[in-house]
């Protein structure tokens, strides 16, 4: 059986888990959500994803899937602008975007991804 590696673990969850050449990230939210806007939170969330992917030994060019959760689907355009600047051209993952109630009313979005690990 392949080794399982966990990153940024606490008693409830891990920020990332690597197994079988794939890393799965937990949903990432903006810690500094005082900026409030989807654009501001998206920038922070995508930076957090970059850091977790690096911890796991990979990067956004190896994304496989992305699940994006928005509290207000009307903010999709702002999210797409940040996403399009962030994603590596030619390396877009499969993507699902849905409107959802998140764990805190301060969160405008949450993003979870999987990526290949060499």
N, C-alpha and C. Protein backbone atom coordinates (compact mmCIF):
# COMPACT_ATOMS: atom_id res chain seq x y z
N UNK A 1 0.83 -1.18 0.00
CA UNK A 1 0.00 0.00 0.00
C UNK A 1 0.88 1.25 0.00
N UNK A 2 0.51 2.21 -0.81
CA UNK A 2 1.27 3.46 -0.91
C UNK A 2 1.16 4.25 0.38
N UNK A 3 2.21 4.96 0.69
CA UNK A 3 2.25 5.80 1.89
C UNK A 3 1.24 6.94 1.78
N UNK A 4 0.66 7.31 2.90
CA UNK A 4 -0.24 8.46 2.98
C UNK A 4 0.50 9.56 3.73
N UNK A 5 0.58 10.75 3.13
CA UNK A 5 1.23 11.90 3.77
C UNK A 5 0.16 12.96 4.03
N UNK A 6 0.20 13.53 5.22
CA UNK A 6 -0.76 14.56 5.61
C UNK A 6 -0.02 15.85 5.94
N UNK A 7 -0.60 16.98 5.56
CA UNK A 7 0.01 18.29 5.78
C UNK A 7 -0.98 19.19 6.50
N UNK A 8 -0.43 20.07 7.34
CA UNK A 8 -1.23 21.03 8.10
C UNK A 8 -2.41 20.32 8.77
N UNK A 9 -2.06 19.34 9.58
CA UNK A 9 -3.05 18.49 10.23
C UNK A 9 -3.41 19.02 11.61
N UNK A 10 -4.67 18.90 11.96
CA UNK A 10 -5.14 19.17 13.31
C UNK A 10 -6.09 18.03 13.68
N UNK A 11 -6.65 18.01 14.87
CA UNK A 11 -7.51 16.89 15.26
C UNK A 11 -8.74 16.69 14.37
N UNK A 12 -9.18 17.71 13.67
CA UNK A 12 -10.39 17.62 12.86
C UNK A 12 -10.12 17.28 11.41
N UNK A 13 -9.01 17.78 10.86
CA UNK A 13 -8.80 17.63 9.42
C UNK A 13 -7.34 17.90 9.05
N UNK A 14 -7.04 17.59 7.81
CA UNK A 14 -5.73 17.92 7.23
C UNK A 14 -5.94 18.93 6.12
N UNK A 15 -4.98 19.81 5.95
CA UNK A 15 -5.06 20.78 4.86
C UNK A 15 -4.86 20.12 3.52
N UNK A 16 -4.04 19.06 3.50
CA UNK A 16 -3.77 18.32 2.27
C UNK A 16 -3.39 16.89 2.63
N UNK A 17 -3.78 15.96 1.77
CA UNK A 17 -3.43 14.55 1.93
C UNK A 17 -2.93 14.04 0.58
N UNK A 18 -1.74 13.40 0.61
CA UNK A 18 -1.16 12.82 -0.61
C UNK A 18 -1.23 11.31 -0.52
N UNK A 19 -1.73 10.70 -1.59
CA UNK A 19 -1.77 9.24 -1.68
C UNK A 19 -1.84 8.85 -3.14
N UNK A 20 -1.07 7.87 -3.53
CA UNK A 20 -1.15 7.34 -4.89
C UNK A 20 -0.91 8.36 -5.98
N UNK A 21 0.00 9.29 -5.74
CA UNK A 21 0.34 10.27 -6.77
C UNK A 21 -0.65 11.41 -6.93
N UNK A 22 -1.58 11.54 -5.97
CA UNK A 22 -2.58 12.62 -6.02
C UNK A 22 -2.62 13.31 -4.66
N UNK A 23 -2.71 14.63 -4.67
CA UNK A 23 -2.92 15.39 -3.45
C UNK A 23 -4.33 15.96 -3.48
N UNK A 24 -5.02 15.82 -2.36
CA UNK A 24 -6.36 16.39 -2.20
C UNK A 24 -6.27 17.48 -1.14
N UNK A 25 -6.72 18.66 -1.48
CA UNK A 25 -6.71 19.77 -0.52
C UNK A 25 -8.10 19.93 0.06
N UNK A 26 -8.14 20.22 1.35
CA UNK A 26 -9.42 20.57 1.96
C UNK A 26 -9.86 21.92 1.39
N UNK A 27 -11.11 22.24 1.57
CA UNK A 27 -11.62 23.53 1.09
C UNK A 27 -10.87 24.66 1.77
N UNK A 28 -10.36 25.59 0.99
CA UNK A 28 -9.60 26.72 1.50
C UNK A 28 -10.47 27.97 1.51
N UNK A 29 -10.41 28.69 2.62
CA UNK A 29 -11.15 29.94 2.76
C UNK A 29 -10.16 31.04 3.13
N UNK A 30 -10.61 32.26 3.02
CA UNK A 30 -9.76 33.40 3.35
C UNK A 30 -9.71 33.57 4.87
N UNK A 31 -8.52 33.51 5.42
CA UNK A 31 -8.35 33.75 6.86
C UNK A 31 -8.53 35.23 7.14
N UNK A 32 -7.98 36.07 6.27
CA UNK A 32 -8.15 37.52 6.41
C UNK A 32 -9.35 37.93 5.56
N UNK A 33 -10.54 37.60 6.03
CA UNK A 33 -11.75 37.87 5.25
C UNK A 33 -12.31 39.27 5.48
N UNK A 34 -11.56 40.12 6.19
CA UNK A 34 -12.04 41.48 6.45
C UNK A 34 -12.20 42.28 5.16
N UNK A 35 -11.41 41.93 4.12
CA UNK A 35 -11.55 42.61 2.84
C UNK A 35 -12.90 42.37 2.22
N UNK A 36 -13.47 41.24 2.56
CA UNK A 36 -14.85 40.96 2.22
C UNK A 36 -15.18 40.61 0.79
N UNK A 37 -14.57 41.25 -0.17
CA UNK A 37 -14.99 41.03 -1.55
C UNK A 37 -14.51 39.68 -2.05
N UNK A 38 -15.24 39.15 -3.01
CA UNK A 38 -14.85 37.88 -3.62
C UNK A 38 -13.46 38.01 -4.24
N UNK A 39 -13.18 39.12 -4.89
CA UNK A 39 -11.87 39.31 -5.52
C UNK A 39 -10.75 39.24 -4.48
N UNK A 40 -10.90 39.93 -3.35
CA UNK A 40 -9.87 39.91 -2.31
C UNK A 40 -9.73 38.52 -1.70
N UNK A 41 -10.86 37.89 -1.39
CA UNK A 41 -10.80 36.56 -0.80
C UNK A 41 -10.25 35.54 -1.79
N UNK A 42 -10.59 35.67 -3.06
CA UNK A 42 -10.09 34.73 -4.07
C UNK A 42 -8.57 34.80 -4.15
N UNK A 43 -8.01 35.98 -4.14
CA UNK A 43 -6.55 36.12 -4.19
C UNK A 43 -5.90 35.39 -3.01
N UNK A 44 -6.44 35.59 -1.81
CA UNK A 44 -5.86 34.93 -0.64
C UNK A 44 -6.02 33.41 -0.71
N UNK A 45 -7.20 32.95 -1.09
CA UNK A 45 -7.45 31.51 -1.16
C UNK A 45 -6.52 30.86 -2.19
N UNK A 46 -6.35 31.47 -3.33
CA UNK A 46 -5.48 30.91 -4.36
C UNK A 46 -4.02 30.90 -3.91
N UNK A 47 -3.60 31.90 -3.16
CA UNK A 47 -2.25 31.90 -2.58
C UNK A 47 -2.10 30.76 -1.58
N UNK A 48 -3.13 30.53 -0.76
CA UNK A 48 -3.10 29.43 0.21
C UNK A 48 -3.00 28.08 -0.51
N UNK A 49 -3.73 27.95 -1.61
CA UNK A 49 -3.67 26.72 -2.40
C UNK A 49 -2.26 26.53 -2.95
N UNK A 50 -1.66 27.59 -3.48
CA UNK A 50 -0.28 27.49 -3.98
C UNK A 50 0.67 26.96 -2.91
N UNK A 51 0.54 27.48 -1.69
CA UNK A 51 1.42 27.06 -0.59
C UNK A 51 1.21 25.60 -0.21
N UNK A 52 -0.05 25.18 -0.12
CA UNK A 52 -0.33 23.77 0.21
C UNK A 52 0.17 22.83 -0.88
N UNK A 53 -0.03 23.23 -2.13
CA UNK A 53 0.46 22.39 -3.23
C UNK A 53 1.98 22.26 -3.16
N UNK A 54 2.66 23.36 -2.86
CA UNK A 54 4.13 23.32 -2.74
C UNK A 54 4.55 22.41 -1.59
N UNK A 55 3.85 22.49 -0.46
CA UNK A 55 4.15 21.59 0.67
C UNK A 55 4.04 20.13 0.25
N UNK A 56 3.08 19.84 -0.62
CA UNK A 56 2.84 18.47 -1.06
C UNK A 56 3.76 18.05 -2.21
N UNK A 57 4.59 18.97 -2.71
CA UNK A 57 5.53 18.63 -3.76
C UNK A 57 4.99 18.78 -5.17
N UNK A 58 4.03 19.67 -5.35
CA UNK A 58 3.46 19.88 -6.69
C UNK A 58 3.11 21.35 -6.86
N UNK A 59 2.40 21.68 -7.92
CA UNK A 59 2.00 23.06 -8.16
C UNK A 59 0.73 23.09 -9.01
N UNK A 60 0.22 24.29 -9.24
CA UNK A 60 -1.06 24.46 -9.93
C UNK A 60 -1.03 24.01 -11.39
N UNK A 61 0.14 23.79 -11.97
CA UNK A 61 0.19 23.29 -13.35
C UNK A 61 -0.24 21.82 -13.42
N UNK A 62 -0.36 21.18 -12.27
CA UNK A 62 -0.73 19.77 -12.22
C UNK A 62 -2.13 19.56 -11.63
N UNK A 63 -2.94 20.62 -11.62
CA UNK A 63 -4.30 20.50 -11.09
C UNK A 63 -5.10 19.49 -11.89
N UNK A 64 -5.90 18.71 -11.19
CA UNK A 64 -6.80 17.74 -11.82
C UNK A 64 -8.25 18.20 -11.72
N UNK A 65 -8.67 18.58 -10.52
CA UNK A 65 -10.05 19.01 -10.30
C UNK A 65 -10.08 20.24 -9.41
N UNK A 66 -11.16 21.00 -9.53
CA UNK A 66 -11.39 22.14 -8.65
C UNK A 66 -12.88 22.23 -8.35
N UNK A 67 -13.20 22.39 -7.07
CA UNK A 67 -14.58 22.62 -6.65
C UNK A 67 -14.63 23.99 -5.99
N UNK A 68 -15.40 24.89 -6.58
CA UNK A 68 -15.51 26.25 -6.09
C UNK A 68 -16.90 26.46 -5.55
N UNK A 69 -16.96 27.01 -4.32
CA UNK A 69 -18.22 27.26 -3.65
C UNK A 69 -18.34 28.76 -3.39
N UNK A 70 -19.40 29.36 -3.89
CA UNK A 70 -19.65 30.79 -3.73
C UNK A 70 -20.90 31.00 -2.89
N UNK A 71 -20.87 31.99 -2.00
CA UNK A 71 -22.08 32.29 -1.24
C UNK A 71 -23.09 33.02 -2.10
N UNK A 72 -22.63 33.69 -3.14
CA UNK A 72 -23.53 34.42 -4.04
C UNK A 72 -23.05 34.21 -5.47
N UNK A 73 -23.80 33.44 -6.24
CA UNK A 73 -23.41 33.11 -7.62
C UNK A 73 -23.30 34.37 -8.48
N UNK A 74 -23.91 35.46 -8.05
CA UNK A 74 -23.78 36.72 -8.79
C UNK A 74 -22.35 37.24 -8.79
N UNK A 75 -21.51 36.75 -7.88
CA UNK A 75 -20.11 37.17 -7.82
C UNK A 75 -19.20 36.28 -8.67
N UNK A 76 -19.78 35.44 -9.50
CA UNK A 76 -18.99 34.52 -10.31
C UNK A 76 -18.01 35.24 -11.23
N UNK A 77 -18.41 36.34 -11.80
CA UNK A 77 -17.51 37.06 -12.71
C UNK A 77 -16.24 37.52 -11.99
N UNK A 78 -16.39 38.03 -10.77
CA UNK A 78 -15.21 38.46 -10.00
C UNK A 78 -14.32 37.28 -9.68
N UNK A 79 -14.92 36.16 -9.33
CA UNK A 79 -14.14 34.95 -9.06
C UNK A 79 -13.43 34.48 -10.32
N UNK A 80 -14.14 34.46 -11.44
CA UNK A 80 -13.53 34.01 -12.70
C UNK A 80 -12.34 34.88 -13.10
N UNK A 81 -12.42 36.17 -12.85
CA UNK A 81 -11.30 37.05 -13.19
C UNK A 81 -10.06 36.66 -12.41
N UNK A 82 -10.21 36.42 -11.10
CA UNK A 82 -9.06 36.02 -10.27
C UNK A 82 -8.58 34.64 -10.69
N UNK A 83 -9.51 33.73 -10.94
CA UNK A 83 -9.17 32.36 -11.34
C UNK A 83 -8.39 32.35 -12.65
N UNK A 84 -8.89 33.10 -13.63
CA UNK A 84 -8.26 33.11 -14.95
C UNK A 84 -6.84 33.67 -14.91
N UNK A 85 -6.58 34.63 -14.02
CA UNK A 85 -5.22 35.16 -13.86
C UNK A 85 -4.31 34.14 -13.18
N UNK A 86 -4.89 33.29 -12.33
CA UNK A 86 -4.12 32.35 -11.52
C UNK A 86 -3.82 31.03 -12.23
N UNK A 87 -4.79 30.48 -12.93
CA UNK A 87 -4.61 29.16 -13.53
C UNK A 87 -3.55 29.22 -14.64
N UNK A 88 -2.75 28.16 -14.74
CA UNK A 88 -1.70 28.09 -15.75
C UNK A 88 -2.34 27.83 -17.11
N UNK A 89 -2.06 28.67 -18.13
CA UNK A 89 -2.64 28.45 -19.45
C UNK A 89 -2.35 27.03 -19.95
N UNK A 90 -3.39 26.40 -20.46
CA UNK A 90 -3.27 25.04 -20.97
C UNK A 90 -3.32 23.97 -19.90
N UNK A 91 -3.46 24.36 -18.63
CA UNK A 91 -3.46 23.39 -17.53
C UNK A 91 -4.72 23.50 -16.67
N UNK A 92 -5.80 23.97 -17.26
CA UNK A 92 -7.03 24.13 -16.48
C UNK A 92 -7.57 22.77 -16.04
N UNK A 93 -7.96 22.65 -14.77
CA UNK A 93 -8.52 21.39 -14.28
C UNK A 93 -10.00 21.28 -14.64
N UNK A 94 -10.58 20.12 -14.38
CA UNK A 94 -12.04 20.07 -14.42
C UNK A 94 -12.51 20.98 -13.29
N UNK A 95 -13.71 21.55 -13.44
CA UNK A 95 -14.14 22.53 -12.45
C UNK A 95 -15.64 22.46 -12.25
N UNK A 96 -16.04 22.55 -10.99
CA UNK A 96 -17.43 22.65 -10.61
C UNK A 96 -17.58 23.91 -9.78
N UNK A 97 -18.58 24.73 -10.07
CA UNK A 97 -18.83 25.94 -9.30
C UNK A 97 -20.29 25.93 -8.87
N UNK A 98 -20.50 26.04 -7.56
CA UNK A 98 -21.87 26.05 -7.05
C UNK A 98 -22.04 27.13 -5.99
N UNK A 99 -23.28 27.55 -5.80
CA UNK A 99 -23.62 28.47 -4.73
C UNK A 99 -23.90 27.63 -3.48
N UNK A 100 -23.37 28.06 -2.33
CA UNK A 100 -23.51 27.28 -1.11
C UNK A 100 -23.49 28.18 0.12
N UNK A 101 -24.05 27.69 1.19
CA UNK A 101 -23.92 28.32 2.49
C UNK A 101 -22.63 27.78 3.10
N UNK A 102 -21.71 28.67 3.47
CA UNK A 102 -20.41 28.25 4.00
C UNK A 102 -20.41 28.30 5.53
N UNK A 103 -19.34 27.83 6.13
CA UNK A 103 -19.25 27.68 7.58
C UNK A 103 -19.36 28.99 8.35
N UNK A 104 -19.01 30.09 7.72
CA UNK A 104 -19.11 31.41 8.36
C UNK A 104 -19.70 32.40 7.35
N UNK A 105 -20.54 33.30 7.82
CA UNK A 105 -21.08 34.31 6.90
C UNK A 105 -20.02 35.28 6.39
N UNK A 106 -18.84 35.26 7.02
CA UNK A 106 -17.73 36.12 6.57
C UNK A 106 -17.05 35.57 5.32
N UNK A 107 -17.22 34.29 5.03
CA UNK A 107 -16.59 33.69 3.87
C UNK A 107 -17.44 33.93 2.63
N UNK A 108 -16.80 34.45 1.59
CA UNK A 108 -17.49 34.65 0.30
C UNK A 108 -17.31 33.46 -0.61
N UNK A 109 -16.24 32.68 -0.40
CA UNK A 109 -15.98 31.53 -1.24
C UNK A 109 -15.10 30.52 -0.53
N UNK A 110 -15.12 29.31 -1.05
CA UNK A 110 -14.26 28.22 -0.60
C UNK A 110 -13.86 27.43 -1.84
N UNK A 111 -12.59 27.03 -1.89
CA UNK A 111 -12.09 26.28 -3.05
C UNK A 111 -11.33 25.05 -2.57
N UNK A 112 -11.67 23.90 -3.15
CA UNK A 112 -10.97 22.64 -2.89
C UNK A 112 -10.45 22.11 -4.23
N UNK A 113 -9.21 21.62 -4.23
CA UNK A 113 -8.62 21.10 -5.47
C UNK A 113 -7.93 19.77 -5.22
N UNK A 114 -7.70 19.06 -6.31
CA UNK A 114 -6.81 17.90 -6.33
C UNK A 114 -5.76 18.16 -7.41
N UNK A 115 -4.59 17.55 -7.22
CA UNK A 115 -3.51 17.73 -8.20
C UNK A 115 -2.65 16.47 -8.21
N UNK A 116 -2.01 16.25 -9.36
CA UNK A 116 -1.05 15.17 -9.47
C UNK A 116 0.23 15.54 -8.74
N UNK A 117 0.87 14.53 -8.16
CA UNK A 117 2.15 14.72 -7.47
C UNK A 117 3.14 13.78 -8.13
N UNK A 118 4.30 14.32 -8.52
CA UNK A 118 5.33 13.48 -9.15
C UNK A 118 6.01 12.59 -8.14
